[in-house]
Amino acid sequence: MATKITTKKPLTGNRRSHALNATKHKQKPNLQTYTINGEKVKLTAREARTILKETA
């Protein structure tokens, strides 16, 4: 099982229709599983780009 490193959580808000009805909505972070130094970790795509740039 991959270790979750990131601390990011879903953003919450409302979807609005043309009639201005509000329904709850979540935007989840883009979590990806990567192998870094032989260990599986869960990172967001943005964090993975940063880490992979530093290690290259």
PDB file of N, CA and C in Angstrom:
ATOM      1  N   MET A   1       0.836  -1.183   0.000  1.00  0.00           N
ATOM      2  CA  MET A   1       0.000   0.000   0.000  1.00  0.00           C
ATOM      3  C   MET A   1       0.877   1.241   0.000  1.00  0.00           C
ATOM      4  N   ALA A   2       0.470   2.218  -0.754  1.00  0.00           N
ATOM      5  CA  ALA A   2       1.248   3.443  -0.881  1.00  0.00           C
ATOM      6  C   ALA A   2       1.030   4.355   0.321  1.00  0.00           C
ATOM      7  N   THR A   3       2.101   5.012   0.736  1.00  0.00           N
ATOM      8  CA  THR A   3       2.034   5.958   1.835  1.00  0.00           C
ATOM      9  C   THR A   3       1.558   7.301   1.311  1.00  0.00           C
ATOM     10  N   LYS A   4       0.578   7.883   1.975  1.00  0.00           N
ATOM     11  CA  LYS A   4       0.046   9.178   1.543  1.00  0.00           C
ATOM     12  C   LYS A   4       0.894  10.282   2.160  1.00  0.00           C
ATOM     13  N   ILE A   5       1.549  11.067   1.319  1.00  0.00           N
ATOM     14  CA  ILE A   5       2.436  12.135   1.788  1.00  0.00           C
ATOM     15  C   ILE A   5       1.712  13.473   1.801  1.00  0.00           C
ATOM     16  N   THR A   6       0.890  13.696   0.833  1.00  0.00           N
ATOM     17  CA  THR A   6       0.255  15.000   0.661  1.00  0.00           C
ATOM     18  C   THR A   6      -0.723  15.310   1.788  1.00  0.00           C
ATOM     19  N   THR A   7      -0.917  16.597   2.041  1.00  0.00           N
ATOM     20  CA  THR A   7      -1.892  17.032   3.044  1.00  0.00           C
ATOM     21  C   THR A   7      -3.088  17.709   2.397  1.00  0.00           C
ATOM     22  N   LYS A   8      -3.153  17.668   1.078  1.00  0.00           N
ATOM     23  CA  LYS A   8      -4.237  18.345   0.378  1.00  0.00           C
ATOM     24  C   LYS A   8      -5.558  17.622   0.588  1.00  0.00           C
ATOM     25  N   LYS A   9      -6.632  18.396   0.690  1.00  0.00           N
ATOM     26  CA  LYS A   9      -7.977  17.861   0.888  1.00  0.00           C
ATOM     27  C   LYS A   9      -8.881  18.394  -0.221  1.00  0.00           C
ATOM     28  N   PRO A  10     -10.052  17.787  -0.400  1.00  0.00           N
ATOM     29  CA  PRO A  10     -10.958  18.272  -1.439  1.00  0.00           C
ATOM     30  C   PRO A  10     -11.431  19.701  -1.179  1.00  0.00           C
ATOM     31  N   LEU A  11     -11.552  20.476  -2.249  1.00  0.00           N
ATOM     32  CA  LEU A  11     -12.163  21.801  -2.168  1.00  0.00           C
ATOM     33  C   LEU A  11     -13.667  21.619  -2.220  1.00  0.00           C
ATOM     34  N   THR A  12     -14.398  22.400  -1.446  1.00  0.00           N
ATOM     35  CA  THR A  12     -15.847  22.293  -1.478  1.00  0.00           C
ATOM     36  C   THR A  12     -16.449  23.610  -1.930  1.00  0.00           C
ATOM     37  N   GLY A  13     -17.594  23.501  -2.545  1.00  0.00           N
ATOM     38  CA  GLY A  13     -18.293  24.681  -3.012  1.00  0.00           C
ATOM     39  C   GLY A  13     -19.668  24.281  -3.498  1.00  0.00           C
ATOM     40  N   ASN A  14     -20.296  25.166  -4.224  1.00  0.00           N
ATOM     41  CA  ASN A  14     -21.623  24.894  -4.757  1.00  0.00           C
ATOM     42  C   ASN A  14     -21.606  24.918  -6.271  1.00  0.00           C
ATOM     43  N   ARG A  15     -22.378  24.013  -6.869  1.00  0.00           N
ATOM     44  CA  ARG A  15     -22.673  24.120  -8.299  1.00  0.00           C
ATOM     45  C   ARG A  15     -23.901  25.016  -8.403  1.00  0.00           C
ATOM     46  N   ARG A  16     -23.934  25.890  -9.373  1.00  0.00           N
ATOM     47  CA  ARG A  16     -25.070  26.794  -9.551  1.00  0.00           C
ATOM     48  C   ARG A  16     -25.707  26.545 -10.909  1.00  0.00           C
ATOM     49  N   SER A  17     -27.013  26.319 -10.898  1.00  0.00           N
ATOM     50  CA  SER A  17     -27.753  26.171 -12.149  1.00  0.00           C
ATOM     51  C   SER A  17     -28.172  27.565 -12.635  1.00  0.00           C
ATOM     52  N   HIS A  18     -28.804  27.611 -13.796  1.00  0.00           N
ATOM     53  CA  HIS A  18     -29.295  28.900 -14.304  1.00  0.00           C
ATOM     54  C   HIS A  18     -30.366  29.468 -13.395  1.00  0.00           C
ATOM     55  N   ALA A  19     -31.078  28.599 -12.689  1.00  0.00           N
ATOM     56  CA  ALA A  19     -32.101  29.056 -11.752  1.00  0.00           C
ATOM     57  C   ALA A  19     -31.497  29.389 -10.385  1.00  0.00           C
ATOM     58  N   LEU A  20     -30.168  29.352 -10.303  1.00  0.00           N
ATOM     59  CA  LEU A  20     -29.414  29.644  -9.083  1.00  0.00           C
ATOM     60  C   LEU A  20     -29.667  28.640  -7.961  1.00  0.00           C
ATOM     61  N   ASN A  21     -30.061  27.405  -8.324  1.00  0.00           N
ATOM     62  CA  ASN A  21     -30.134  26.343  -7.334  1.00  0.00           C
ATOM     63  C   ASN A  21     -28.709  25.953  -6.945  1.00  0.00           C
ATOM     64  N   ALA A  22     -28.482  25.730  -5.660  1.00  0.00           N
ATOM     65  CA  ALA A  22     -27.148  25.374  -5.180  1.00  0.00           C
ATOM     66  C   ALA A  22     -27.129  23.911  -4.747  1.00  0.00           C
ATOM     67  N   THR A  23     -26.175  23.146  -5.270  1.00  0.00           N
ATOM     68  CA  THR A  23     -25.950  21.781  -4.821  1.00  0.00           C
ATOM     69  C   THR A  23     -24.480  21.658  -4.459  1.00  0.00           C
ATOM     70  N   LYS A  24     -24.200  20.929  -3.384  1.00  0.00           N
ATOM     71  CA  LYS A  24     -22.824  20.791  -2.912  1.00  0.00           C
ATOM     72  C   LYS A  24     -21.972  20.078  -3.953  1.00  0.00           C
ATOM     73  N   HIS A  25     -20.703  20.478  -3.996  1.00  0.00           N
ATOM     74  CA  HIS A  25     -19.791  19.985  -5.018  1.00  0.00           C
ATOM     75  C   HIS A  25     -18.400  19.874  -4.404  1.00  0.00           C
ATOM     76  N   LYS A  26     -17.653  18.832  -4.770  1.00  0.00           N
ATOM     77  CA  LYS A  26     -16.280  18.671  -4.295  1.00  0.00           C
ATOM     78  C   LYS A  26     -15.331  18.553  -5.475  1.00  0.00           C
ATOM     79  N   GLN A  27     -14.175  19.191  -5.356  1.00  0.00           N
ATOM     80  CA  GLN A  27     -13.091  19.002  -6.317  1.00  0.00           C
ATOM     81  C   GLN A  27     -11.992  18.254  -5.589  1.00  0.00           C
ATOM     82  N   LYS A  28     -11.749  17.022  -5.992  1.00  0.00           N
ATOM     83  CA  LYS A  28     -10.758  16.197  -5.308  1.00  0.00           C
ATOM     84  C   LYS A  28      -9.365  16.458  -5.886  1.00  0.00           C
ATOM     85  N   PRO A  29      -8.314  16.357  -5.065  1.00  0.00           N
ATOM     86  CA  PRO A  29      -6.963  16.537  -5.578  1.00  0.00           C
ATOM     87  C   PRO A  29      -6.590  15.386  -6.515  1.00  0.00           C
ATOM     88  N   ASN A  30      -5.710  15.672  -7.444  1.00  0.00           N
ATOM     89  CA  ASN A  30      -5.289  14.697  -8.448  1.00  0.00           C
ATOM     90  C   ASN A  30      -4.205  13.800  -7.860  1.00  0.00           C
ATOM     91  N   LEU A  31      -4.601  12.798  -7.058  1.00  0.00           N
ATOM     92  CA  LEU A  31      -3.634  11.921  -6.403  1.00  0.00           C
ATOM     93  C   LEU A  31      -3.157  10.848  -7.365  1.00  0.00           C
ATOM     94  N   GLN A  32      -1.840  10.658  -7.395  1.00  0.00           N
ATOM     95  CA  GLN A  32      -1.204   9.653  -8.233  1.00  0.00           C
ATOM     96  C   GLN A  32      -0.270   8.831  -7.364  1.00  0.00           C
ATOM     97  N   THR A  33      -0.038   7.574  -7.738  1.00  0.00           N
ATOM     98  CA  THR A  33       0.897   6.716  -7.021  1.00  0.00           C
ATOM     99  C   THR A  33       2.213   6.688  -7.786  1.00  0.00           C
ATOM    100  N   TYR A  34       3.294   7.024  -7.090  1.00  0.00           N
ATOM    101  CA  TYR A  34       4.624   7.037  -7.680  1.00  0.00           C
ATOM    102  C   TYR A  34       5.544   6.177  -6.841  1.00  0.00           C
ATOM    103  N   THR A  35       6.584   5.642  -7.473  1.00  0.00           N
ATOM    104  CA  THR A  35       7.622   4.912  -6.757  1.00  0.00           C
ATOM    105  C   THR A  35       8.851   5.806  -6.715  1.00  0.00           C
ATOM    106  N   ILE A  36       9.236   6.202  -5.498  1.00  0.00           N
ATOM    107  CA  ILE A  36      10.402   7.059  -5.316  1.00  0.00           C
ATOM    108  C   ILE A  36      11.339   6.349  -4.356  1.00  0.00           C
ATOM    109  N   ASN A  37      12.563   6.085  -4.810  1.00  0.00           N
ATOM    110  CA  ASN A  37      13.566   5.360  -4.020  1.00  0.00           C
ATOM    111  C   ASN A  37      13.042   4.009  -3.552  1.00  0.00           C
ATOM    112  N   GLY A  38      12.310   3.309  -4.410  1.00  0.00           N
ATOM    113  CA  GLY A  38      11.803   1.985  -4.092  1.00  0.00           C
ATOM    114  C   GLY A  38      10.614   1.956  -3.157  1.00  0.00           C
ATOM    115  N   GLU A  39      10.050   3.101  -2.829  1.00  0.00           N
ATOM    116  CA  GLU A  39       8.909   3.171  -1.922  1.00  0.00           C
ATOM    117  C   GLU A  39       7.734   3.797  -2.651  1.00  0.00           C
ATOM    118  N   LYS A  40       6.556   3.159  -2.542  1.00  0.00           N
ATOM    119  CA  LYS A  40       5.368   3.699  -3.196  1.00  0.00           C
ATOM    120  C   LYS A  40       4.773   4.813  -2.345  1.00  0.00           C
ATOM    121  N   VAL A  41       4.506   5.956  -2.976  1.00  0.00           N
ATOM    122  CA  VAL A  41       3.927   7.096  -2.270  1.00  0.00           C
ATOM    123  C   VAL A  41       2.790   7.673  -3.096  1.00  0.00           C
ATOM    124  N   LYS A  42       1.823   8.268  -2.402  1.00  0.00           N
ATOM    125  CA  LYS A  42       0.728   8.962  -3.074  1.00  0.00           C
ATOM    126  C   LYS A  42       0.986  10.448  -2.999  1.00  0.00           C
ATOM    127  N   LEU A  43       1.026  11.085  -4.155  1.00  0.00           N
ATOM    128  CA  LEU A  43       1.279  12.514  -4.265  1.00  0.00           C
ATOM    129  C   LEU A  43       0.264  13.117  -5.211  1.00  0.00           C
ATOM    130  N   THR A  44       0.092  14.437  -5.120  1.00  0.00           N
ATOM    131  CA  THR A  44      -0.674  15.100  -6.159  1.00  0.00           C
ATOM    132  C   THR A  44       0.230  15.232  -7.378  1.00  0.00           C
ATOM    133  N   ALA A  45      -0.358  15.427  -8.519  1.00  0.00           N
ATOM    134  CA  ALA A  45       0.409  15.527  -9.760  1.00  0.00           C
ATOM    135  C   ALA A  45       1.374  16.705  -9.697  1.00  0.00           C
ATOM    136  N   ARG A  46       0.959  17.812  -9.102  1.00  0.00           N
ATOM    137  CA  ARG A  46       1.814  18.991  -9.003  1.00  0.00           C
ATOM    138  C   ARG A  46       3.024  18.722  -8.114  1.00  0.00           C
ATOM    139  N   GLU A  47       2.797  18.064  -6.976  1.00  0.00           N
ATOM    140  CA  GLU A  47       3.903  17.737  -6.067  1.00  0.00           C
ATOM    141  C   GLU A  47       4.872  16.761  -6.725  1.00  0.00           C
ATOM    142  N   ALA A  48       4.332  15.818  -7.493  1.00  0.00           N
ATOM    143  CA  ALA A  48       5.173  14.837  -8.166  1.00  0.00           C
ATOM    144  C   ALA A  48       6.086  15.518  -9.179  1.00  0.00           C
ATOM    145  N   ARG A  49       5.571  16.496  -9.907  1.00  0.00           N
ATOM    146  CA  ARG A  49       6.400  17.232 -10.864  1.00  0.00           C
ATOM    147  C   ARG A  49       7.572  17.895 -10.155  1.00  0.00           C
ATOM    148  N   THR A  50       7.278  18.526  -9.022  1.00  0.00           N
ATOM    149  CA  THR A  50       8.316  19.226  -8.276  1.00  0.00           C
ATOM    150  C   THR A  50       9.373  18.264  -7.764  1.00  0.00           C
ATOM    151  N   ILE A  51       8.942  17.148  -7.167  1.00  0.00           N
ATOM    152  CA  ILE A  51       9.884  16.179  -6.617  1.00  0.00           C
ATOM    153  C   ILE A  51      10.716  15.537  -7.726  1.00  0.00           C
ATOM    154  N   LEU A  52      10.080  15.169  -8.830  1.00  0.00           N
ATOM    155  CA  LEU A  52      10.799  14.538  -9.913  1.00  0.00           C
ATOM    156  C   LEU A  52      11.790  15.488 -10.583  1.00  0.00           C
ATOM    157  N   LYS A  53      11.484  16.791 -10.599  1.00  0.00           N
ATOM    158  CA  LYS A  53      12.435  17.768 -11.129  1.00  0.00           C
ATOM    159  C   LYS A  53      13.673  17.848 -10.244  1.00  0.00           C
ATOM    160  N   GLU A  54      13.452  17.831  -8.911  1.00  0.00           N
ATOM    161  CA  GLU A  54      14.564  17.952  -7.963  1.00  0.00           C
ATOM    162  C   GLU A  54      15.466  16.736  -7.986  1.00  0.00           C
ATOM    163  N   THR A  55      14.894  15.547  -8.193  1.00  0.00           N
ATOM    164  CA  THR A  55      15.713  14.331  -8.166  1.00  0.00           C
ATOM    165  C   THR A  55      16.409  14.081  -9.488  1.00  0.00           C
ATOM    166  N   ALA A  56      15.964  14.710 -10.565  1.00  0.00           N
ATOM    167  CA  ALA A  56      16.569  14.459 -11.895  1.00  0.00           C
ATOM    168  C   ALA A  56      17.845  15.250 -12.082  1.00  0.00           C
TER     169      ALA A  56
END
